[in-house]
């Protein structure tokens, strides 16, 4: 009987502990050199179908895309090059890497748009959540993040430090911090980012709700599409 699949967090932690840290002298290379690791690791670990290209593209309505060639012998990660936030771009790339490691054996058409988001079924929503969990864990290693926030009160200074350390968005650092702040008095937050300025306020439900507003348009949540290269 084959072993059950690993969780997204376990997949990211294993990759960090067994591959990344040993390759960099026993320490995390922070911020994680994402593009280099993705292409080098997949060529060595999955030589029959590696990720061979990561590049920006015109993707209206999408944050990113993972797609194979027709023979499924190579994969490509695309990210929306209209996004000006390096942290968001890095999260998108890590999210697509998560799809590659966790989901590439599944049917390869997962298109997401603003309208699609409210129509996702439980399977599609679960797949996206798994890719997000992988990305957050891989970009912000749990033990290192814990070292940064242990004993510290939540503040924009602390979260900004984490965002800079891992080269992620302030929003991603906030959501990661929530994992470590389980007391109701400090973890119940709605996080909202408006015109580049983030603020926190107590939230009224157990779900962590967030929006990202860029310019005058509300941006959709990080999302992706996987389709075959023509």
C-alpha atoms as a PDB file:
ATOM      1  CA  UNK A   1       0.000   0.000   0.000  1.00  0.00           C
ATOM      2  CA  UNK A   2       1.389   3.389  -0.954  1.00  0.00           C
ATOM      3  CA  UNK A   3       1.920   6.006   1.718  1.00  0.00           C
ATOM      4  CA  UNK A   4      -0.725   8.747   1.974  1.00  0.00           C
ATOM      5  CA  UNK A   5       0.238  12.027   0.307  1.00  0.00           C
ATOM      6  CA  UNK A   6       1.985  14.549   2.496  1.00  0.00           C
ATOM      7  CA  UNK A   7       0.247  17.720   3.535  1.00  0.00           C
ATOM      8  CA  UNK A   8       1.281  20.974   1.815  1.00  0.00           C
ATOM      9  CA  UNK A   9       3.107  22.129   4.938  1.00  0.00           C
ATOM     10  CA  UNK A  10       4.891  18.801   5.339  1.00  0.00           C
ATOM     11  CA  UNK A  11       5.914  18.888   1.678  1.00  0.00           C
ATOM     12  CA  UNK A  12       7.384  22.370   2.076  1.00  0.00           C
ATOM     13  CA  UNK A  13       9.080  21.536   5.387  1.00  0.00           C
ATOM     14  CA  UNK A  14      10.658  18.372   3.981  1.00  0.00           C
ATOM     15  CA  UNK A  15      11.995  20.249   0.980  1.00  0.00           C
ATOM     16  CA  UNK A  16      13.444  22.956   3.202  1.00  0.00           C
ATOM     17  CA  UNK A  17      14.984  20.551   5.731  1.00  0.00           C
ATOM     18  CA  UNK A  18      16.238  17.808   3.426  1.00  0.00           C
ATOM     19  CA  UNK A  19      17.227  19.735   0.317  1.00  0.00           C
ATOM     20  CA  UNK A  20      17.468  23.497   0.757  1.00  0.00           C
ATOM     21  CA  UNK A  21      19.267  23.795   4.106  1.00  0.00           C
ATOM     22  CA  UNK A  22      21.853  21.074   3.338  1.00  0.00           C
ATOM     23  CA  UNK A  23      22.559  22.705  -0.019  1.00  0.00           C
ATOM     24  CA  UNK A  24      23.226  26.043   1.688  1.00  0.00           C
ATOM     25  CA  UNK A  25      25.451  24.958   4.550  1.00  0.00           C
ATOM     26  CA  UNK A  26      22.708  24.102   7.021  1.00  0.00           C
ATOM     27  CA  UNK A  27      20.983  27.485   6.993  1.00  0.00           C
ATOM     28  CA  UNK A  28      18.033  28.952   5.158  1.00  0.00           C
ATOM     29  CA  UNK A  29      19.113  31.140   2.227  1.00  0.00           C
ATOM     30  CA  UNK A  30      16.826  34.063   3.014  1.00  0.00           C
ATOM     31  CA  UNK A  31      15.020  35.330   1.163  1.00  0.00           C
ATOM     32  CA  UNK A  32      14.565  31.958  -0.542  1.00  0.00           C
ATOM     33  CA  UNK A  33      16.081  32.180  -4.081  1.00  0.00           C
ATOM     34  CA  UNK A  34      12.846  30.927  -5.521  1.00  0.00           C
ATOM     35  CA  UNK A  35      13.312  30.831  -9.292  1.00  0.00           C
ATOM     36  CA  UNK A  36      16.754  29.221  -9.002  1.00  0.00           C
ATOM     37  CA  UNK A  37      15.522  26.561  -6.595  1.00  0.00           C
ATOM     38  CA  UNK A  38      12.394  25.750  -8.601  1.00  0.00           C
ATOM     39  CA  UNK A  39      14.196  25.119 -11.874  1.00  0.00           C
ATOM     40  CA  UNK A  40      17.283  23.414 -10.397  1.00  0.00           C
ATOM     41  CA  UNK A  41      15.336  21.186  -8.015  1.00  0.00           C
ATOM     42  CA  UNK A  42      12.750  20.026 -10.525  1.00  0.00           C
ATOM     43  CA  UNK A  43      15.422  19.263 -13.148  1.00  0.00           C
ATOM     44  CA  UNK A  44      17.241  17.048 -10.660  1.00  0.00           C
ATOM     45  CA  UNK A  45      14.256  15.516  -8.864  1.00  0.00           C
ATOM     46  CA  UNK A  46      11.838  15.205 -11.782  1.00  0.00           C
ATOM     47  CA  UNK A  47      14.015  15.045 -14.920  1.00  0.00           C
ATOM     48  CA  UNK A  48      11.186  13.658 -17.048  1.00  0.00           C
ATOM     49  CA  UNK A  49       8.935  16.691 -16.522  1.00  0.00           C
ATOM     50  CA  UNK A  50      10.743  19.616 -14.836  1.00  0.00           C
ATOM     51  CA  UNK A  51       9.776  23.259 -14.619  1.00  0.00           C
ATOM     52  CA  UNK A  52      12.001  24.851 -17.240  1.00  0.00           C
ATOM     53  CA  UNK A  53      10.745  28.436 -17.390  1.00  0.00           C
ATOM     54  CA  UNK A  54       9.432  31.112 -15.034  1.00  0.00           C
ATOM     55  CA  UNK A  55       8.470  34.423 -16.587  1.00  0.00           C
ATOM     56  CA  UNK A  56       6.062  37.332 -16.525  1.00  0.00           C
ATOM     57  CA  UNK A  57       3.173  37.452 -18.971  1.00  0.00           C
ATOM     58  CA  UNK A  58       0.023  39.367 -19.790  1.00  0.00           C
ATOM     59  CA  UNK A  59      -2.571  37.499 -17.709  1.00  0.00           C
ATOM     60  CA  UNK A  60      -5.654  39.702 -17.351  1.00  0.00           C
ATOM     61  CA  UNK A  61      -7.739  38.508 -14.450  1.00  0.00           C
ATOM     62  CA  UNK A  62      -5.154  36.023 -13.186  1.00  0.00           C
ATOM     63  CA  UNK A  63      -2.243  36.108 -10.778  1.00  0.00           C
ATOM     64  CA  UNK A  64      -0.366  33.159 -12.251  1.00  0.00           C
ATOM     65  CA  UNK A  65      -0.419  30.028 -14.329  1.00  0.00           C
ATOM     66  CA  UNK A  66       1.236  26.613 -14.321  1.00  0.00           C
ATOM     67  CA  UNK A  67       1.100  24.724 -17.597  1.00  0.00           C
ATOM     68  CA  UNK A  68       2.787  21.778 -19.320  1.00  0.00           C
ATOM     69  CA  UNK A  69       3.725  21.347 -22.938  1.00  0.00           C
ATOM     70  CA  UNK A  70       1.599  18.973 -24.997  1.00  0.00           C
ATOM     71  CA  UNK A  71       3.853  16.012 -24.210  1.00  0.00           C
ATOM     72  CA  UNK A  72       3.887  16.939 -20.502  1.00  0.00           C
ATOM     73  CA  UNK A  73       7.665  16.719 -20.517  1.00  0.00           C
ATOM     74  CA  UNK A  74       8.266  20.255 -19.284  1.00  0.00           C
ATOM     75  CA  UNK A  75       6.328  22.843 -17.309  1.00  0.00           C
ATOM     76  CA  UNK A  76       6.168  26.600 -17.273  1.00  0.00           C
ATOM     77  CA  UNK A  77       5.235  29.054 -14.527  1.00  0.00           C
ATOM     78  CA  UNK A  78       3.795  32.374 -15.634  1.00  0.00           C
ATOM     79  CA  UNK A  79       2.986  35.298 -13.368  1.00  0.00           C
ATOM     80  CA  UNK A  80       1.070  38.461 -14.074  1.00  0.00           C
ATOM     81  CA  UNK A  81       3.697  41.024 -15.011  1.00  0.00           C
ATOM     82  CA  UNK A  82       1.255  43.852 -14.343  1.00  0.00           C
ATOM     83  CA  UNK A  83       1.727  43.184 -10.633  1.00  0.00           C
ATOM     84  CA  UNK A  84       4.273  45.673  -9.295  1.00  0.00           C
ATOM     85  CA  UNK A  85       4.725  43.986  -5.901  1.00  0.00           C
ATOM     86  CA  UNK A  86       7.800  41.711  -5.802  1.00  0.00           C
ATOM     87  CA  UNK A  87       6.363  40.024  -2.715  1.00  0.00           C
ATOM     88  CA  UNK A  88       3.112  39.141  -4.463  1.00  0.00           C
ATOM     89  CA  UNK A  89       5.008  37.886  -7.509  1.00  0.00           C
ATOM     90  CA  UNK A  90       7.154  35.647  -5.305  1.00  0.00           C
ATOM     91  CA  UNK A  91       4.083  34.270  -3.560  1.00  0.00           C
ATOM     92  CA  UNK A  92       2.473  33.557  -6.929  1.00  0.00           C
ATOM     93  CA  UNK A  93       5.579  31.697  -8.099  1.00  0.00           C
ATOM     94  CA  UNK A  94       5.693  29.652  -4.887  1.00  0.00           C
ATOM     95  CA  UNK A  95       1.954  28.979  -5.170  1.00  0.00           C
ATOM     96  CA  UNK A  96       2.428  27.575  -8.677  1.00  0.00           C
ATOM     97  CA  UNK A  97       5.412  25.529  -7.484  1.00  0.00           C
ATOM     98  CA  UNK A  98       3.077  24.108  -4.858  1.00  0.00           C
ATOM     99  CA  UNK A  99       0.612  23.128  -7.577  1.00  0.00           C
ATOM    100  CA  UNK A 100       3.429  21.421  -9.471  1.00  0.00           C
ATOM    101  CA  UNK A 101       4.536  19.355  -6.488  1.00  0.00           C
ATOM    102  CA  UNK A 102       1.074  18.595  -5.128  1.00  0.00           C
ATOM    103  CA  UNK A 103      -1.314  18.553  -8.068  1.00  0.00           C
ATOM    104  CA  UNK A 104       0.342  18.116 -11.437  1.00  0.00           C
ATOM    105  CA  UNK A 105      -0.928  14.541 -11.754  1.00  0.00           C
ATOM    106  CA  UNK A 106      -4.489  15.826 -11.537  1.00  0.00           C
ATOM    107  CA  UNK A 107      -6.486  17.110 -14.546  1.00  0.00           C
ATOM    108  CA  UNK A 108      -4.530  20.061 -15.815  1.00  0.00           C
ATOM    109  CA  UNK A 109      -7.197  22.688 -16.391  1.00  0.00           C
ATOM    110  CA  UNK A 110      -7.776  24.927 -13.356  1.00  0.00           C
ATOM    111  CA  UNK A 111      -8.753  28.383 -14.564  1.00  0.00           C
ATOM    112  CA  UNK A 112      -9.659  31.052 -12.026  1.00  0.00           C
ATOM    113  CA  UNK A 113     -11.203  34.477 -12.507  1.00  0.00           C
ATOM    114  CA  UNK A 114     -13.139  36.952 -10.366  1.00  0.00           C
ATOM    115  CA  UNK A 115     -16.406  35.275 -11.379  1.00  0.00           C
ATOM    116  CA  UNK A 116     -15.026  31.768 -10.904  1.00  0.00           C
ATOM    117  CA  UNK A 117     -14.032  32.397  -7.292  1.00  0.00           C
ATOM    118  CA  UNK A 118     -17.591  32.313  -5.999  1.00  0.00           C
ATOM    119  CA  UNK A 119     -18.320  29.193  -8.055  1.00  0.00           C
ATOM    120  CA  UNK A 120     -15.412  27.002  -6.923  1.00  0.00           C
ATOM    121  CA  UNK A 121     -16.506  23.627  -5.637  1.00  0.00           C
ATOM    122  CA  UNK A 122     -14.952  22.122  -2.523  1.00  0.00           C
ATOM    123  CA  UNK A 123     -12.259  20.275  -4.494  1.00  0.00           C
ATOM    124  CA  UNK A 124     -11.093  23.370  -6.384  1.00  0.00           C
ATOM    125  CA  UNK A 125     -11.127  25.504  -3.244  1.00  0.00           C
ATOM    126  CA  UNK A 126      -9.139  22.832  -1.412  1.00  0.00           C
ATOM    127  CA  UNK A 127      -6.508  22.698  -4.135  1.00  0.00           C
ATOM    128  CA  UNK A 128      -6.015  26.461  -4.027  1.00  0.00           C
ATOM    129  CA  UNK A 129      -5.779  26.438  -0.238  1.00  0.00           C
ATOM    130  CA  UNK A 130      -3.141  23.709  -0.395  1.00  0.00           C
ATOM    131  CA  UNK A 131      -1.022  25.702  -2.846  1.00  0.00           C
ATOM    132  CA  UNK A 132      -1.293  28.765  -0.597  1.00  0.00           C
ATOM    133  CA  UNK A 133      -0.237  26.739   2.450  1.00  0.00           C
ATOM    134  CA  UNK A 134       2.753  25.354   0.604  1.00  0.00           C
ATOM    135  CA  UNK A 135       3.808  28.808  -0.587  1.00  0.00           C
ATOM    136  CA  UNK A 136       3.563  30.424   2.844  1.00  0.00           C
ATOM    137  CA  UNK A 137       5.519  27.613   4.506  1.00  0.00           C
ATOM    138  CA  UNK A 138       8.207  27.470   1.826  1.00  0.00           C
ATOM    139  CA  UNK A 139       8.814  31.228   1.659  1.00  0.00           C
ATOM    140  CA  UNK A 140       8.576  31.760   5.425  1.00  0.00           C
ATOM    141  CA  UNK A 141      10.095  28.684   7.103  1.00  0.00           C
ATOM    142  CA  UNK A 142       8.131  27.923  10.249  1.00  0.00           C
ATOM    143  CA  UNK A 143      11.017  27.607  12.698  1.00  0.00           C
ATOM    144  CA  UNK A 144      12.712  30.775  11.437  1.00  0.00           C
ATOM    145  CA  UNK A 145       9.443  32.721  11.496  1.00  0.00           C
ATOM    146  CA  UNK A 146       8.832  31.542  15.045  1.00  0.00           C
ATOM    147  CA  UNK A 147      12.255  32.873  16.035  1.00  0.00           C
ATOM    148  CA  UNK A 148      11.346  36.276  14.610  1.00  0.00           C
ATOM    149  CA  UNK A 149       7.999  36.652  16.405  1.00  0.00           C
ATOM    150  CA  UNK A 150       8.504  34.715  19.664  1.00  0.00           C
ATOM    151  CA  UNK A 151       7.831  36.962  22.632  1.00  0.00           C
ATOM    152  CA  UNK A 152       7.105  39.949  20.415  1.00  0.00           C
ATOM    153  CA  UNK A 153       3.880  41.925  20.414  1.00  0.00           C
ATOM    154  CA  UNK A 154       2.201  42.300  17.044  1.00  0.00           C
ATOM    155  CA  UNK A 155       3.221  45.551  15.397  1.00  0.00           C
ATOM    156  CA  UNK A 156       3.729  46.912  11.947  1.00  0.00           C
ATOM    157  CA  UNK A 157       7.421  47.097  12.708  1.00  0.00           C
ATOM    158  CA  UNK A 158       7.551  43.369  13.453  1.00  0.00           C
ATOM    159  CA  UNK A 159       5.470  42.405  10.430  1.00  0.00           C
ATOM    160  CA  UNK A 160       7.441  44.726   8.160  1.00  0.00           C
ATOM    161  CA  UNK A 161      10.642  43.087   9.388  1.00  0.00           C
ATOM    162  CA  UNK A 162       9.231  39.666   8.493  1.00  0.00           C
ATOM    163  CA  UNK A 163       8.023  40.864   5.100  1.00  0.00           C
ATOM    164  CA  UNK A 164      11.492  42.211   4.310  1.00  0.00           C
ATOM    165  CA  UNK A 165      13.303  39.162   5.672  1.00  0.00           C
ATOM    166  CA  UNK A 166      11.353  36.751   3.463  1.00  0.00           C
ATOM    167  CA  UNK A 167      10.672  39.176   0.607  1.00  0.00           C
ATOM    168  CA  UNK A 168       6.930  38.671   0.796  1.00  0.00           C
ATOM    169  CA  UNK A 169       4.049  41.110   0.979  1.00  0.00           C
ATOM    170  CA  UNK A 170       3.028  42.609   4.311  1.00  0.00           C
ATOM    171  CA  UNK A 171      -0.279  40.788   3.857  1.00  0.00           C
ATOM    172  CA  UNK A 172       1.467  37.410   3.589  1.00  0.00           C
ATOM    173  CA  UNK A 173       3.496  38.155   6.723  1.00  0.00           C
ATOM    174  CA  UNK A 174       0.315  39.118   8.581  1.00  0.00           C
ATOM    175  CA  UNK A 175      -1.448  35.905   7.640  1.00  0.00           C
ATOM    176  CA  UNK A 176       1.585  33.848   8.639  1.00  0.00           C
ATOM    177  CA  UNK A 177       1.698  35.633  11.976  1.00  0.00           C
ATOM    178  CA  UNK A 178      -1.928  34.694  12.639  1.00  0.00           C
ATOM    179  CA  UNK A 179      -0.815  31.031  12.668  1.00  0.00           C
ATOM    180  CA  UNK A 180       1.379  31.823  15.676  1.00  0.00           C
ATOM    181  CA  UNK A 181      -1.128  33.972  17.560  1.00  0.00           C
ATOM    182  CA  UNK A 182      -3.822  31.611  18.737  1.00  0.00           C
ATOM    183  CA  UNK A 183      -5.210  33.619  21.644  1.00  0.00           C
ATOM    184  CA  UNK A 184      -8.581  35.135  20.637  1.00  0.00           C
ATOM    185  CA  UNK A 185      -7.536  38.562  21.869  1.00  0.00           C
ATOM    186  CA  UNK A 186      -4.651  38.780  19.436  1.00  0.00           C
ATOM    187  CA  UNK A 187      -5.477  36.513  16.517  1.00  0.00           C
ATOM    188  CA  UNK A 188      -8.966  37.607  15.538  1.00  0.00           C
ATOM    189  CA  UNK A 189      -8.226  40.027  12.747  1.00  0.00           C
ATOM    190  CA  UNK A 190      -9.552  41.219   9.469  1.00  0.00           C
ATOM    191  CA  UNK A 191      -6.569  42.353   7.423  1.00  0.00           C
ATOM    192  CA  UNK A 192      -7.103  44.998   4.788  1.00  0.00           C
ATOM    193  CA  UNK A 193      -4.546  46.705   2.579  1.00  0.00           C
ATOM    194  CA  UNK A 194      -5.548  49.983   0.950  1.00  0.00           C
ATOM    195  CA  UNK A 195      -3.392  51.941  -1.446  1.00  0.00           C
ATOM    196  CA  UNK A 196      -0.251  50.331  -0.117  1.00  0.00           C
ATOM    197  CA  UNK A 197      -1.102  50.934   3.565  1.00  0.00           C
ATOM    198  CA  UNK A 198      -2.191  47.986   5.669  1.00  0.00           C
ATOM    199  CA  UNK A 199      -4.250  48.102   8.830  1.00  0.00           C
ATOM    200  CA  UNK A 200      -5.707  45.535  11.228  1.00  0.00           C
ATOM    201  CA  UNK A 201      -8.925  45.531  13.209  1.00  0.00           C
ATOM    202  CA  UNK A 202     -10.709  42.863  15.300  1.00  0.00           C
ATOM    203  CA  UNK A 203     -12.640  40.440  13.146  1.00  0.00           C
ATOM    204  CA  UNK A 204     -16.133  39.232  13.905  1.00  0.00           C
ATOM    205  CA  UNK A 205     -15.908  35.625  12.673  1.00  0.00           C
ATOM    206  CA  UNK A 206     -13.493  32.715  12.767  1.00  0.00           C
ATOM    207  CA  UNK A 207     -12.655  33.084   9.081  1.00  0.00           C
ATOM    208  CA  UNK A 208      -9.672  35.309   8.333  1.00  0.00           C
ATOM    209  CA  UNK A 209     -11.124  37.638   5.705  1.00  0.00           C
ATOM    210  CA  UNK A 210      -8.920  39.890   3.687  1.00  0.00           C
ATOM    211  CA  UNK A 211      -8.963  42.119   0.692  1.00  0.00           C
ATOM    212  CA  UNK A 212      -6.222  43.770  -1.262  1.00  0.00           C
ATOM    213  CA  UNK A 213      -6.982  47.082  -2.922  1.00  0.00           C
ATOM    214  CA  UNK A 214      -4.597  48.364  -5.550  1.00  0.00           C
ATOM    215  CA  UNK A 215      -5.191  51.787  -7.030  1.00  0.00           C
ATOM    216  CA  UNK A 216      -8.924  52.105  -7.568  1.00  0.00           C
ATOM    217  CA  UNK A 217      -9.588  48.444  -8.295  1.00  0.00           C
ATOM    218  CA  UNK A 218      -9.993  45.618  -5.819  1.00  0.00           C
ATOM    219  CA  UNK A 219      -7.579  42.866  -6.739  1.00  0.00           C
ATOM    220  CA  UNK A 220      -8.651  39.279  -6.503  1.00  0.00           C
ATOM    221  CA  UNK A 221      -7.101  36.833  -4.087  1.00  0.00           C
ATOM    222  CA  UNK A 222      -3.942  35.081  -5.285  1.00  0.00           C
ATOM    223  CA  UNK A 223      -5.191  32.613  -7.834  1.00  0.00           C
ATOM    224  CA  UNK A 224      -3.875  30.585 -10.681  1.00  0.00           C
ATOM    225  CA  UNK A 225      -4.670  28.661 -13.784  1.00  0.00           C
ATOM    226  CA  UNK A 226      -3.123  25.488 -15.162  1.00  0.00           C
ATOM    227  CA  UNK A 227      -3.613  24.740 -18.822  1.00  0.00           C
ATOM    228  CA  UNK A 228      -1.644  22.995 -21.515  1.00  0.00           C
ATOM    229  CA  UNK A 229       0.811  24.923 -23.656  1.00  0.00           C
ATOM    230  CA  UNK A 230      -0.438  25.059 -27.204  1.00  0.00           C
END
